[in-house]
C-alpha cells in the first residue's frame, strides 16, 4: 500500500473509485490524511537527519534532537508519518521497533512511562525483574532494537509536575537511554523544551539540535499558500466530488490561526458527517456543525456561518 501522503485522487475516475471503497477504509483515509507541505517536509527532513544522517548509512546513535512548536502545528502527524517508514518487524528474538513513538501525558511518572513502553511494543521480550520501571523500559527499548525513540509531548516529562524530583527522574531516564550509545532520542513538544535542553550540558554535548515549526501566517501571500494547502487536502478526500475547501480559506485560517492540526480537526469531523449523509463531498453545513462545538469562549467570529445553526 502506498504511503498516505501519496494517496491523491486527481481524476473523476480516481475520485469515483475512492468513493466506492468500503466505509471503514474511507474513514481511515480521512483520519490519517497527510498533506506534504513545507512545514511537514521540513519536520520529516529534520527527523531523518537525526536518525539516519547518511543515505543508506547507519543509525545515528547516542544523540538528542528536538522537534518543537505550538500545539496544532502538525508535530505529531509528522512523527507518525516518519515512524510509518520504519514499521515493526519480526526479529530473531521477537518483534523489533526501529522507530518507537511514545506520547507523554500530564502527570507523567516513571511508572506510567514504563507502562506506555510496554503497551507500545506489545513485545514478548523477557525483561529482567527490577523495581524501577524506568530501567526495564530501557531494557525493552534495547531488546526491541530501537534506533530512534520519539518522545512526543515531552514538555509533560519536564514541566507541569508537582515536584522538581519527578522532572529530574524524567531527565535521568532520557539521559540513560542516550548513554546506552545505541539509541537516538527526539524530544517533541512546546518551544520551552529547547530552553530546558540547552540549560543541560549533558544533552547539549550529545549533538542536540532542534527544528521549530510555526503556524502559517495570514498575510495575503501566505493565504494563497494556505488556499493551495486546502486544495491539496481536498485532493486526498475519498469523495466522488471535490469539496472546494479553498472557498473557505479565510474561515479555516481564522479558526485555526494557521495551525494545520486545527484545520484537520474540522476536516476530519466534517468528513465523517459527509460519510454518514452519503454525500458526494463535504458540504458547508458539515463544516458549520464541525466548528460549532469547537469555537473558543469569547471568539465571536461566525466561521462558515455556523451561528445560524446554534439554535
Protein backbone atom coordinates (compact mmCIF):
# COMPACT_ATOMS: atom_id res chain seq x y z
CA UNK A 1 0.00 0.00 0.00
CA UNK A 2 1.37 3.48 -0.83
CA UNK A 3 2.19 5.99 1.88
CA UNK A 4 -0.88 8.01 2.86
CA UNK A 5 0.80 11.24 1.76
CA UNK A 6 0.95 9.69 -1.73
CA UNK A 7 -2.80 8.98 -1.85
CA UNK A 8 -4.19 11.58 -4.28
CA UNK A 9 -7.47 11.37 -6.18
CA UNK A 10 -6.84 13.72 -9.09
CA UNK A 11 -9.25 12.49 -11.75
CA UNK A 12 -13.01 11.84 -11.82
CA UNK A 13 -12.22 8.14 -12.21
CA UNK A 14 -9.91 8.12 -9.17
CA UNK A 15 -12.47 10.03 -7.10
CA UNK A 16 -15.23 7.67 -8.11
CA UNK A 17 -13.10 4.66 -7.17
CA UNK A 18 -12.26 6.21 -3.78
CA UNK A 19 -15.92 6.95 -3.10
CA UNK A 20 -16.75 3.27 -3.71
CA UNK A 21 -14.27 1.96 -1.14
CA UNK A 22 -15.73 0.34 2.00
CA UNK A 23 -16.79 2.92 4.57
CA UNK A 24 -14.14 1.87 7.15
CA UNK A 25 -11.41 2.37 4.53
CA UNK A 26 -12.77 5.80 3.57
CA UNK A 27 -12.91 6.71 7.25
CA UNK A 28 -9.29 5.63 7.65
CA UNK A 29 -8.24 7.76 4.66
CA UNK A 30 -9.86 10.80 6.27
CA UNK A 31 -8.48 10.17 9.76
CA UNK A 32 -4.91 9.61 8.61
CA UNK A 33 -4.90 12.12 5.75
CA UNK A 34 -1.45 13.67 5.35
CA UNK A 35 -0.50 16.54 3.10
CA UNK A 36 3.15 17.17 2.22
CA UNK A 37 3.86 20.91 2.51
CA UNK A 38 6.90 22.89 3.52
CA UNK A 39 6.43 22.59 7.30
CA UNK A 40 5.62 18.89 7.04
CA UNK A 41 8.59 18.25 4.76
CA UNK A 42 10.96 20.26 6.97
CA UNK A 43 9.93 18.26 10.03
CA UNK A 44 10.40 14.94 8.25
CA UNK A 45 13.80 16.04 6.96
CA UNK A 46 14.93 17.06 10.45
CA UNK A 47 13.95 13.68 11.93
CA UNK A 48 15.69 11.91 9.06
CA UNK A 49 18.94 13.81 9.63
CA UNK A 50 18.83 12.96 13.34
CA UNK A 51 18.03 9.29 12.80
CA UNK A 52 19.99 8.38 9.65
CA UNK A 53 22.15 11.32 8.52
CA UNK A 54 23.82 9.38 5.68
CA UNK A 55 21.60 7.94 2.96
CA UNK A 56 21.98 4.18 3.10
CA UNK A 57 24.23 4.51 6.14
CA UNK A 58 23.99 3.62 9.81
CA UNK A 59 21.63 4.89 12.52
CA UNK A 60 22.92 7.94 14.38
CA UNK A 61 23.01 6.57 17.95
CA UNK A 62 23.54 8.42 21.23
CA UNK A 63 22.28 11.85 20.11
CA UNK A 64 19.37 14.08 21.12
CA UNK A 65 17.21 16.30 18.94
CA UNK A 66 14.06 18.38 19.24
CA UNK A 67 11.01 18.94 17.04
CA UNK A 68 9.19 21.86 18.60
CA UNK A 69 6.21 24.12 18.05
CA UNK A 70 2.93 25.31 19.50
CA UNK A 71 0.06 22.80 19.78
CA UNK A 72 -1.65 22.15 16.46
CA UNK A 73 1.28 22.89 14.16
CA UNK A 74 1.50 19.27 12.96
CA UNK A 75 4.32 17.76 15.03
CA UNK A 76 2.55 14.54 15.96
CA UNK A 77 1.38 13.83 12.41
CA UNK A 78 4.95 14.32 11.17
CA UNK A 79 6.27 11.89 13.79
CA UNK A 80 3.61 9.32 12.91
CA UNK A 81 4.46 9.65 9.22
CA UNK A 82 8.17 9.14 9.93
CA UNK A 83 7.52 6.12 12.17
CA UNK A 84 5.40 4.59 9.39
CA UNK A 85 8.53 4.49 7.23
CA UNK A 86 10.12 2.08 9.73
CA UNK A 87 7.35 -0.36 10.72
CA UNK A 88 7.73 -3.06 13.34
CA UNK A 89 9.29 -6.25 12.03
CA UNK A 90 9.90 -9.79 13.18
CA UNK A 91 13.43 -10.24 14.56
CA UNK A 92 15.45 -13.21 15.72
CA UNK A 93 14.29 -12.88 19.33
CA UNK A 94 10.93 -11.11 18.90
CA UNK A 95 9.37 -8.00 17.41
CA UNK A 96 11.71 -5.11 16.61
CA UNK A 97 10.70 -1.44 16.53
CA UNK A 98 13.32 0.61 14.66
CA UNK A 99 11.41 3.84 15.38
CA UNK A 100 9.36 3.90 18.58
CA UNK A 101 6.88 6.77 19.05
CA UNK A 102 5.66 7.33 22.62
CA UNK A 103 3.47 10.20 23.88
CA UNK A 104 3.98 11.62 27.34
CA UNK A 105 0.98 12.83 29.33
CA UNK A 106 0.10 15.23 32.11
CA UNK A 107 1.32 13.93 35.46
CA UNK A 108 3.85 11.63 33.78
CA UNK A 109 5.77 9.36 36.13
CA UNK A 110 8.31 6.59 35.64
CA UNK A 111 5.62 4.00 36.26
CA UNK A 112 3.29 5.49 33.63
CA UNK A 113 6.14 5.91 31.17
CA UNK A 114 7.12 2.29 31.64
CA UNK A 115 3.54 1.17 31.06
CA UNK A 116 3.42 3.18 27.82
CA UNK A 117 6.55 1.44 26.58
CA UNK A 118 5.09 -1.95 27.38
CA UNK A 119 1.82 -1.19 25.56
CA UNK A 120 3.53 0.39 22.55
CA UNK A 121 5.83 -2.55 21.91
CA UNK A 122 3.40 -5.38 22.74
CA UNK A 123 6.52 -7.49 22.75
CA UNK A 124 7.09 -10.88 24.42
CA UNK A 125 10.71 -9.99 25.25
CA UNK A 126 11.57 -11.07 28.74
CA UNK A 127 12.70 -8.12 30.84
CA UNK A 128 14.77 -8.56 33.97
CA UNK A 129 12.63 -8.01 37.07
CA UNK A 130 13.51 -4.66 38.58
CA UNK A 131 11.71 -2.29 40.89
CA UNK A 132 12.35 0.73 38.68
CA UNK A 133 10.10 0.75 35.57
CA UNK A 134 12.48 3.30 34.05
CA UNK A 135 15.16 0.64 33.99
CA UNK A 136 13.08 -2.10 32.45
CA UNK A 137 11.79 0.37 29.88
CA UNK A 138 15.36 0.97 28.77
CA UNK A 139 15.90 -2.78 28.60
CA UNK A 140 12.80 -3.09 26.42
CA UNK A 141 13.97 -0.34 24.05
CA UNK A 142 17.29 -2.12 23.57
CA UNK A 143 15.76 -5.59 23.17
CA UNK A 144 13.36 -4.18 20.57
CA UNK A 145 16.37 -2.90 18.58
CA UNK A 146 15.03 0.66 18.64
CA UNK A 147 17.22 3.11 16.72
CA UNK A 148 15.15 6.26 17.29
CA UNK A 149 12.96 6.91 20.32
CA UNK A 150 10.43 9.71 19.73
CA UNK A 151 9.06 11.19 22.97
CA UNK A 152 6.02 13.26 21.99
CA UNK A 153 4.53 15.97 24.25
CA UNK A 154 7.82 15.86 26.10
CA UNK A 155 7.03 19.08 27.98
CA UNK A 156 4.92 16.86 30.25
CA UNK A 157 8.08 14.98 31.19
CA UNK A 158 9.96 18.08 32.31
CA UNK A 159 7.29 20.64 33.23
CA UNK A 160 3.82 20.67 34.84
CA UNK A 161 4.99 18.49 37.72
CA UNK A 162 4.12 18.80 41.39
CA UNK A 163 7.76 18.39 42.31
CA UNK A 164 11.06 19.01 40.58
CA UNK A 165 12.09 15.49 41.65
CA UNK A 166 9.78 13.94 39.05
CA UNK A 167 11.22 16.17 36.32
CA UNK A 168 14.72 15.13 37.40
CA UNK A 169 13.71 11.47 37.11
CA UNK A 170 12.38 12.06 33.59
CA UNK A 171 15.61 13.78 32.63
CA UNK A 172 17.53 10.87 34.12
CA UNK A 173 15.53 8.40 32.05
CA UNK A 174 16.26 10.22 28.77
CA UNK A 175 19.93 10.56 29.67
CA UNK A 176 20.15 6.85 30.49
CA UNK A 177 18.64 5.93 27.11
CA UNK A 178 21.10 8.17 25.26
CA UNK A 179 24.00 6.94 27.39
CA UNK A 180 23.50 3.39 26.09
CA UNK A 181 25.11 4.72 22.91
CA UNK A 182 22.65 2.65 20.89
CA UNK A 183 19.59 4.92 20.54
CA UNK A 184 18.88 8.45 19.31
CA UNK A 185 16.16 10.41 21.14
CA UNK A 186 13.84 13.01 19.63
CA UNK A 187 12.06 15.30 22.10
CA UNK A 188 8.83 16.59 20.57
CA UNK A 189 6.92 19.35 22.30
CA UNK A 190 6.39 23.01 23.01
CA UNK A 191 9.15 25.58 22.34
CA UNK A 192 10.09 25.76 26.05
CA UNK A 193 11.67 22.32 25.71
CA UNK A 194 14.51 23.99 23.77
CA UNK A 195 15.48 26.20 26.70
CA UNK A 196 15.30 23.27 29.10
CA UNK A 197 17.64 21.17 26.98
CA UNK A 198 20.15 23.93 26.29
CA UNK A 199 20.39 24.51 30.04
CA UNK A 200 21.55 20.90 30.49
CA UNK A 201 25.14 20.35 29.30
CA UNK A 202 24.68 16.58 29.22
CA UNK A 203 22.10 16.95 26.42
CA UNK A 204 23.87 19.74 24.57
CA UNK A 205 27.07 17.66 24.47
CA UNK A 206 25.20 14.93 22.66
CA UNK A 207 24.81 16.94 19.50
CA UNK A 208 21.46 18.48 20.39
CA UNK A 209 19.78 20.27 17.51
CA UNK A 210 16.15 21.31 17.01
CA UNK A 211 13.64 22.42 14.41
CA UNK A 212 10.80 24.74 15.43
CA UNK A 213 7.61 24.53 13.36
CA UNK A 214 5.39 27.59 13.13
CA UNK A 215 1.79 28.27 12.19
CA UNK A 216 1.15 29.59 8.69
CA UNK A 217 0.75 33.39 8.94
CA UNK A 218 -2.18 35.30 7.46
CA UNK A 219 -0.59 37.79 5.05
CA UNK A 220 -2.16 37.77 1.53
CA UNK A 221 0.71 35.76 0.02
CA UNK A 222 0.51 33.28 2.88
CA UNK A 223 -3.26 32.95 2.48
CA UNK A 224 -2.66 31.97 -1.15
CA UNK A 225 -0.37 29.19 0.06
CA UNK A 226 -2.95 28.25 2.71
CA UNK A 227 -5.60 28.05 -0.02
CA UNK A 228 -3.35 25.74 -2.04
CA UNK A 229 -2.90 23.60 1.06
CA UNK A 230 -6.68 23.24 1.37
CA UNK A 231 -6.81 22.17 -2.29
CA UNK A 232 -4.20 19.51 -1.53
CA UNK A 233 -6.31 18.26 1.37
CA UNK A 234 -9.35 18.16 -0.90
CA UNK A 235 -7.49 16.04 -3.47
CA UNK A 236 -6.96 13.38 -0.80
CA UNK A 237 -10.55 13.12 0.43
CA UNK A 238 -12.34 9.90 -0.62
CA UNK A 239 -15.42 11.53 -2.15
CA UNK A 240 -16.76 11.46 -5.68
CA UNK A 241 -16.82 15.26 -5.98
CA UNK A 242 -14.37 17.98 -4.82
CA UNK A 243 -15.35 19.65 -1.55
CA UNK A 244 -13.87 23.01 -2.68
CA UNK A 245 -12.41 23.67 0.76
CA UNK A 246 -10.38 26.57 -0.66
CA UNK A 247 -13.62 28.59 -0.89
CA UNK A 248 -13.41 28.86 2.89
CA UNK A 249 -9.73 29.82 3.18
CA UNK A 250 -10.39 32.86 5.38
CA UNK A 251 -12.65 30.85 7.69
CA UNK A 252 -10.22 27.95 8.01
CA UNK A 253 -7.28 30.28 8.67
CA UNK A 254 -9.21 32.45 11.10
CA UNK A 255 -10.36 29.49 13.12
CA UNK A 256 -7.04 27.61 13.06
CA UNK A 257 -4.62 30.53 13.32
CA UNK A 258 -2.70 28.79 10.56
CA UNK A 259 -2.20 25.59 12.57
CA UNK A 260 -2.69 22.57 10.39
CA UNK A 261 -3.78 20.37 13.30
CA UNK A 262 -6.83 22.55 13.95
CA UNK A 263 -7.67 22.54 10.24
CA UNK A 264 -7.59 18.76 10.17
CA UNK A 265 -9.82 18.53 13.25
CA UNK A 266 -12.56 20.31 11.31
CA UNK A 267 -11.95 18.40 8.07
CA UNK A 268 -11.98 15.04 9.86
CA UNK A 269 -15.24 15.69 11.73
CA UNK A 270 -16.92 17.20 8.65
CA UNK A 271 -15.72 14.27 6.55
CA UNK A 272 -17.32 11.77 8.92
CA UNK A 273 -20.61 13.67 8.71
CA UNK A 274 -20.40 13.59 4.92
CA UNK A 275 -19.88 9.81 5.05
CA UNK A 276 -22.91 9.39 7.29
CA UNK A 277 -25.01 11.57 4.95
CA UNK A 278 -23.73 9.64 1.92
CA UNK A 279 -22.81 12.99 0.48
CA UNK A 280 -20.74 13.35 -2.68
CA UNK A 281 -18.40 15.72 -0.81
CA UNK A 282 -18.00 17.73 2.38
CA UNK A 283 -20.68 20.44 2.38
CA UNK A 284 -20.65 23.78 4.16
CA UNK A 285 -23.27 22.50 6.62
CA UNK A 286 -20.81 19.79 7.66
CA UNK A 287 -18.12 22.42 8.26
CA UNK A 288 -20.56 24.54 10.27
CA UNK A 289 -21.51 21.66 12.52
CA UNK A 290 -17.88 20.58 12.94
CA UNK A 291 -16.78 24.04 14.05
CA UNK A 292 -19.86 24.85 16.14
CA UNK A 293 -18.75 22.85 19.18
CA UNK A 294 -15.09 23.87 18.87
CA UNK A 295 -15.21 27.65 18.97
CA UNK A 296 -13.33 29.06 21.93
CA UNK A 297 -15.26 31.06 24.55
CA UNK A 298 -15.12 34.74 23.64
CA UNK A 299 -14.44 34.10 19.93
CA UNK A 300 -17.31 35.88 18.16
CA UNK A 301 -16.32 35.14 14.54
CA UNK A 302 -19.06 33.41 12.54
CA UNK A 303 -16.89 30.66 10.99
CA UNK A 304 -18.56 29.09 7.95
CA UNK A 305 -21.78 30.87 9.03
CA UNK A 306 -22.24 28.41 11.90
CA UNK A 307 -24.13 30.80 14.19
CA UNK A 308 -27.43 30.30 12.36
CA UNK A 309 -27.28 26.59 13.30
CA UNK A 310 -26.77 27.06 17.04
CA UNK A 311 -30.43 27.10 18.00
